Amino acid sequence: MHVFSQFIRFCAVGVINTTVNYTIYLSLLSFHVYYLLAGIVGYLISAVVGFTINRLWTFKIKVPHFYMFLYLLVNVFSMSVSILVQWFVVEKIHVKEE
């Protein structure tokens, strides 16, 4: 049952991350921040939020700061792919950035 509980919490954190990311993205767009920059800021902030909530609530563990660095490194790669896809969809397929 413990693993199932962690899984549910992990999914909840995913929903929170997505909400944080999209809220920041839309908020920055409303201030006329360039959409790719808004995407980067939202993604990075939500990555830190996700790591922190997962560490404190989902898994309830203390980890060395180096793990945070590795987590962010993986997220920077993932973000780069996400931003590239976002650029392609907006600039080449002409989907509105909102």
N, C-alpha and C. Protein backbone atom coordinates (compact mmCIF):
# COMPACT_ATOMS: atom_id res chain seq x y z
N MET A 1 0.82 -1.20 0.00
CA MET A 1 0.00 0.00 0.00
C MET A 1 0.86 1.26 0.00
N HIS A 2 2.06 1.18 0.60
CA HIS A 2 2.95 2.34 0.66
C HIS A 2 3.36 2.81 -0.73
N VAL A 3 3.66 1.87 -1.63
CA VAL A 3 4.08 2.23 -2.98
C VAL A 3 2.92 2.87 -3.73
N PHE A 4 1.71 2.36 -3.54
CA PHE A 4 0.54 2.94 -4.20
C PHE A 4 0.32 4.37 -3.71
N SER A 5 0.48 4.59 -2.42
CA SER A 5 0.34 5.93 -1.85
C SER A 5 1.37 6.88 -2.46
N GLN A 6 2.60 6.42 -2.60
CA GLN A 6 3.63 7.25 -3.23
C GLN A 6 3.29 7.54 -4.68
N PHE A 7 2.75 6.56 -5.38
CA PHE A 7 2.37 6.74 -6.77
C PHE A 7 1.29 7.82 -6.90
N ILE A 8 0.29 7.76 -6.05
CA ILE A 8 -0.79 8.76 -6.07
C ILE A 8 -0.22 10.15 -5.78
N ARG A 9 0.65 10.24 -4.80
CA ARG A 9 1.26 11.53 -4.48
C ARG A 9 2.13 12.03 -5.64
N PHE A 10 2.87 11.12 -6.26
CA PHE A 10 3.71 11.47 -7.40
C PHE A 10 2.85 12.02 -8.54
N CYS A 11 1.72 11.40 -8.80
CA CYS A 11 0.80 11.89 -9.84
C CYS A 11 0.24 13.26 -9.47
N ALA A 12 -0.09 13.44 -8.19
CA ALA A 12 -0.61 14.73 -7.73
C ALA A 12 0.44 15.82 -7.93
N VAL A 13 1.69 15.50 -7.65
CA VAL A 13 2.77 16.47 -7.85
C VAL A 13 2.90 16.81 -9.33
N GLY A 14 2.69 15.83 -10.20
CA GLY A 14 2.71 16.09 -11.64
C GLY A 14 1.64 17.08 -12.05
N VAL A 15 0.46 16.94 -11.47
CA VAL A 15 -0.63 17.88 -11.76
C VAL A 15 -0.26 19.28 -11.24
N ILE A 16 0.30 19.32 -10.04
CA ILE A 16 0.72 20.61 -9.46
C ILE A 16 1.79 21.25 -10.35
N ASN A 17 2.78 20.46 -10.78
CA ASN A 17 3.85 20.98 -11.65
C ASN A 17 3.28 21.56 -12.93
N THR A 18 2.37 20.82 -13.55
CA THR A 18 1.79 21.29 -14.80
C THR A 18 1.02 22.59 -14.58
N THR A 19 0.29 22.65 -13.48
CA THR A 19 -0.47 23.86 -13.16
C THR A 19 0.45 25.05 -12.92
N VAL A 20 1.52 24.83 -12.15
CA VAL A 20 2.49 25.90 -11.87
C VAL A 20 3.13 26.37 -13.18
N ASN A 21 3.57 25.42 -13.99
CA ASN A 21 4.23 25.75 -15.26
C ASN A 21 3.30 26.57 -16.15
N TYR A 22 2.09 26.09 -16.36
CA TYR A 22 1.18 26.76 -17.27
C TYR A 22 0.72 28.11 -16.73
N THR A 23 0.52 28.20 -15.42
CA THR A 23 0.12 29.48 -14.81
C THR A 23 1.21 30.53 -14.98
N ILE A 24 2.45 30.14 -14.74
CA ILE A 24 3.57 31.08 -14.92
C ILE A 24 3.68 31.47 -16.39
N TYR A 25 3.57 30.49 -17.26
CA TYR A 25 3.67 30.75 -18.70
C TYR A 25 2.61 31.76 -19.14
N LEU A 26 1.35 31.51 -18.78
CA LEU A 26 0.28 32.43 -19.18
C LEU A 26 0.42 33.80 -18.53
N SER A 27 0.85 33.82 -17.28
CA SER A 27 1.05 35.10 -16.59
C SER A 27 2.12 35.93 -17.29
N LEU A 28 3.22 35.30 -17.63
CA LEU A 28 4.29 36.02 -18.32
C LEU A 28 3.84 36.49 -19.71
N LEU A 29 3.09 35.65 -20.39
CA LEU A 29 2.56 36.07 -21.70
C LEU A 29 1.68 37.30 -21.56
N SER A 30 0.91 37.37 -20.47
CA SER A 30 0.03 38.53 -20.28
C SER A 30 0.83 39.81 -20.08
N PHE A 31 2.10 39.68 -19.67
CA PHE A 31 2.99 40.84 -19.53
C PHE A 31 3.86 41.01 -20.78
N HIS A 32 3.47 40.32 -21.85
CA HIS A 32 4.14 40.42 -23.15
C HIS A 32 5.58 39.93 -23.12
N VAL A 33 5.86 38.95 -22.27
CA VAL A 33 7.17 38.29 -22.27
C VAL A 33 7.18 37.34 -23.47
N TYR A 34 8.30 37.28 -24.16
CA TYR A 34 8.47 36.39 -25.31
C TYR A 34 8.09 34.96 -24.91
N TYR A 35 7.30 34.29 -25.74
CA TYR A 35 6.72 33.00 -25.36
C TYR A 35 7.76 31.93 -25.03
N LEU A 36 8.90 31.92 -25.70
CA LEU A 36 9.93 30.92 -25.37
C LEU A 36 10.56 31.20 -24.01
N LEU A 37 10.78 32.45 -23.70
CA LEU A 37 11.31 32.81 -22.38
C LEU A 37 10.29 32.46 -21.30
N ALA A 38 9.02 32.74 -21.56
CA ALA A 38 7.97 32.39 -20.61
C ALA A 38 7.94 30.88 -20.38
N GLY A 39 8.13 30.12 -21.44
CA GLY A 39 8.16 28.66 -21.33
C GLY A 39 9.33 28.17 -20.52
N ILE A 40 10.49 28.78 -20.71
CA ILE A 40 11.69 28.39 -19.96
C ILE A 40 11.52 28.70 -18.48
N VAL A 41 11.05 29.89 -18.16
CA VAL A 41 10.88 30.29 -16.76
C VAL A 41 9.85 29.38 -16.07
N GLY A 42 8.72 29.16 -16.71
CA GLY A 42 7.70 28.29 -16.13
C GLY A 42 8.20 26.88 -15.91
N TYR A 43 8.92 26.36 -16.88
CA TYR A 43 9.45 25.00 -16.80
C TYR A 43 10.44 24.86 -15.65
N LEU A 44 11.38 25.78 -15.56
CA LEU A 44 12.41 25.69 -14.51
C LEU A 44 11.83 25.86 -13.11
N ILE A 45 10.92 26.80 -12.95
CA ILE A 45 10.31 26.99 -11.63
C ILE A 45 9.50 25.77 -11.25
N SER A 46 8.73 25.22 -12.18
CA SER A 46 7.94 24.04 -11.85
C SER A 46 8.83 22.83 -11.57
N ALA A 47 10.00 22.76 -12.19
CA ALA A 47 10.94 21.66 -11.90
C ALA A 47 11.43 21.73 -10.46
N VAL A 48 11.76 22.92 -10.00
CA VAL A 48 12.21 23.10 -8.61
C VAL A 48 11.06 22.79 -7.64
N VAL A 49 9.87 23.27 -7.97
CA VAL A 49 8.69 22.99 -7.13
C VAL A 49 8.45 21.48 -7.06
N GLY A 50 8.50 20.82 -8.20
CA GLY A 50 8.27 19.37 -8.24
C GLY A 50 9.29 18.59 -7.44
N PHE A 51 10.56 18.95 -7.59
CA PHE A 51 11.61 18.27 -6.84
C PHE A 51 11.37 18.44 -5.34
N THR A 52 11.07 19.65 -4.94
CA THR A 52 10.89 19.95 -3.52
C THR A 52 9.69 19.21 -2.93
N ILE A 53 8.56 19.27 -3.63
CA ILE A 53 7.36 18.60 -3.11
C ILE A 53 7.57 17.09 -3.08
N ASN A 54 8.15 16.53 -4.13
CA ASN A 54 8.40 15.08 -4.14
C ASN A 54 9.34 14.67 -3.00
N ARG A 55 10.36 15.47 -2.78
CA ARG A 55 11.32 15.15 -1.72
C ARG A 55 10.67 15.21 -0.34
N LEU A 56 9.88 16.24 -0.10
CA LEU A 56 9.31 16.45 1.23
C LEU A 56 8.01 15.68 1.47
N TRP A 57 7.19 15.50 0.43
CA TRP A 57 5.86 14.94 0.65
C TRP A 57 5.71 13.53 0.06
N THR A 58 6.11 13.35 -1.20
CA THR A 58 5.91 12.06 -1.84
C THR A 58 6.80 10.99 -1.24
N PHE A 59 8.09 11.25 -1.19
CA PHE A 59 9.04 10.24 -0.74
C PHE A 59 9.56 10.48 0.68
N LYS A 60 9.37 11.69 1.18
CA LYS A 60 9.78 12.06 2.55
C LYS A 60 11.22 11.65 2.84
N ILE A 61 12.12 12.14 1.99
CA ILE A 61 13.54 11.83 2.13
C ILE A 61 14.37 13.10 2.06
N LYS A 62 15.54 13.01 2.61
CA LYS A 62 16.53 14.08 2.46
C LYS A 62 17.56 13.56 1.46
N VAL A 63 17.90 14.40 0.51
CA VAL A 63 18.87 14.01 -0.49
C VAL A 63 19.97 15.05 -0.56
N PRO A 64 21.16 14.63 -0.96
CA PRO A 64 22.25 15.60 -1.13
C PRO A 64 21.90 16.62 -2.22
N HIS A 65 22.48 17.79 -2.10
CA HIS A 65 22.24 18.85 -3.09
C HIS A 65 22.66 18.41 -4.49
N PHE A 66 23.59 17.48 -4.56
CA PHE A 66 24.05 16.99 -5.86
C PHE A 66 22.89 16.35 -6.62
N TYR A 67 21.97 15.70 -5.91
CA TYR A 67 20.81 15.09 -6.57
C TYR A 67 19.93 16.15 -7.21
N MET A 68 19.81 17.28 -6.55
CA MET A 68 19.04 18.39 -7.12
C MET A 68 19.71 18.84 -8.42
N PHE A 69 21.03 18.91 -8.41
CA PHE A 69 21.77 19.29 -9.62
C PHE A 69 21.49 18.30 -10.74
N LEU A 70 21.55 17.00 -10.45
CA LEU A 70 21.28 15.98 -11.48
C LEU A 70 19.85 16.08 -11.99
N TYR A 71 18.92 16.29 -11.08
CA TYR A 71 17.52 16.44 -11.44
C TYR A 71 17.34 17.63 -12.38
N LEU A 72 17.95 18.75 -12.04
CA LEU A 72 17.84 19.94 -12.88
C LEU A 72 18.53 19.75 -14.23
N LEU A 73 19.63 19.02 -14.23
CA LEU A 73 20.34 18.74 -15.47
C LEU A 73 19.45 17.95 -16.43
N VAL A 74 18.80 16.91 -15.92
CA VAL A 74 17.87 16.13 -16.74
C VAL A 74 16.71 17.02 -17.21
N ASN A 75 16.21 17.87 -16.32
CA ASN A 75 15.10 18.75 -16.69
C ASN A 75 15.51 19.80 -17.71
N VAL A 76 16.74 20.26 -17.68
CA VAL A 76 17.21 21.22 -18.69
C VAL A 76 17.21 20.56 -20.07
N PHE A 77 17.64 19.30 -20.12
CA PHE A 77 17.59 18.57 -21.40
C PHE A 77 16.15 18.43 -21.87
N SER A 78 15.28 18.00 -20.96
CA SER A 78 13.86 17.82 -21.28
C SER A 78 13.24 19.15 -21.71
N MET A 79 13.58 20.22 -21.00
CA MET A 79 13.06 21.54 -21.32
C MET A 79 13.53 21.97 -22.71
N SER A 80 14.76 21.68 -23.05
CA SER A 80 15.29 22.05 -24.36
C SER A 80 14.48 21.40 -25.48
N VAL A 81 14.15 20.13 -25.30
CA VAL A 81 13.33 19.43 -26.29
C VAL A 81 11.94 20.06 -26.34
N SER A 82 11.38 20.34 -25.18
CA SER A 82 10.05 20.95 -25.10
C SER A 82 10.02 22.32 -25.78
N ILE A 83 11.03 23.13 -25.53
CA ILE A 83 11.09 24.47 -26.13
C ILE A 83 11.28 24.37 -27.64
N LEU A 84 12.08 23.42 -28.09
CA LEU A 84 12.27 23.22 -29.53
C LEU A 84 10.95 22.84 -30.19
N VAL A 85 10.21 21.93 -29.57
CA VAL A 85 8.91 21.53 -30.11
C VAL A 85 7.95 22.72 -30.09
N GLN A 86 7.97 23.49 -29.00
CA GLN A 86 7.09 24.66 -28.90
C GLN A 86 7.42 25.66 -30.01
N TRP A 87 8.70 25.92 -30.23
CA TRP A 87 9.12 26.83 -31.30
C TRP A 87 8.62 26.33 -32.65
N PHE A 88 8.82 25.04 -32.91
CA PHE A 88 8.41 24.47 -34.19
C PHE A 88 6.90 24.62 -34.41
N VAL A 89 6.13 24.31 -33.38
CA VAL A 89 4.67 24.36 -33.50
C VAL A 89 4.20 25.81 -33.72
N VAL A 90 4.79 26.76 -33.00
CA VAL A 90 4.37 28.16 -33.13
C VAL A 90 4.88 28.77 -34.42
N GLU A 91 6.16 28.59 -34.71
CA GLU A 91 6.76 29.29 -35.84
C GLU A 91 6.54 28.60 -37.18
N LYS A 92 6.50 27.29 -37.22
CA LYS A 92 6.41 26.57 -38.49
C LYS A 92 5.00 26.08 -38.81
N ILE A 93 4.25 25.70 -37.76
CA ILE A 93 2.88 25.22 -38.01
C ILE A 93 1.87 26.33 -37.76
N HIS A 94 2.32 27.42 -37.14
CA HIS A 94 1.52 28.62 -36.90
C HIS A 94 0.35 28.40 -35.93
N VAL A 95 0.65 27.67 -34.86
CA VAL A 95 -0.32 27.53 -33.76
C VAL A 95 -0.06 28.68 -32.80
N LYS A 96 -1.11 29.33 -32.32
CA LYS A 96 -0.97 30.47 -31.41
C LYS A 96 -0.28 30.01 -30.13
N GLU A 97 0.62 30.84 -29.61
CA GLU A 97 1.43 30.46 -28.45
C GLU A 97 0.65 30.29 -27.16
N GLU A 98 -0.55 30.79 -27.09
CA GLU A 98 -1.36 30.63 -25.89
C GLU A 98 -1.95 29.28 -25.91
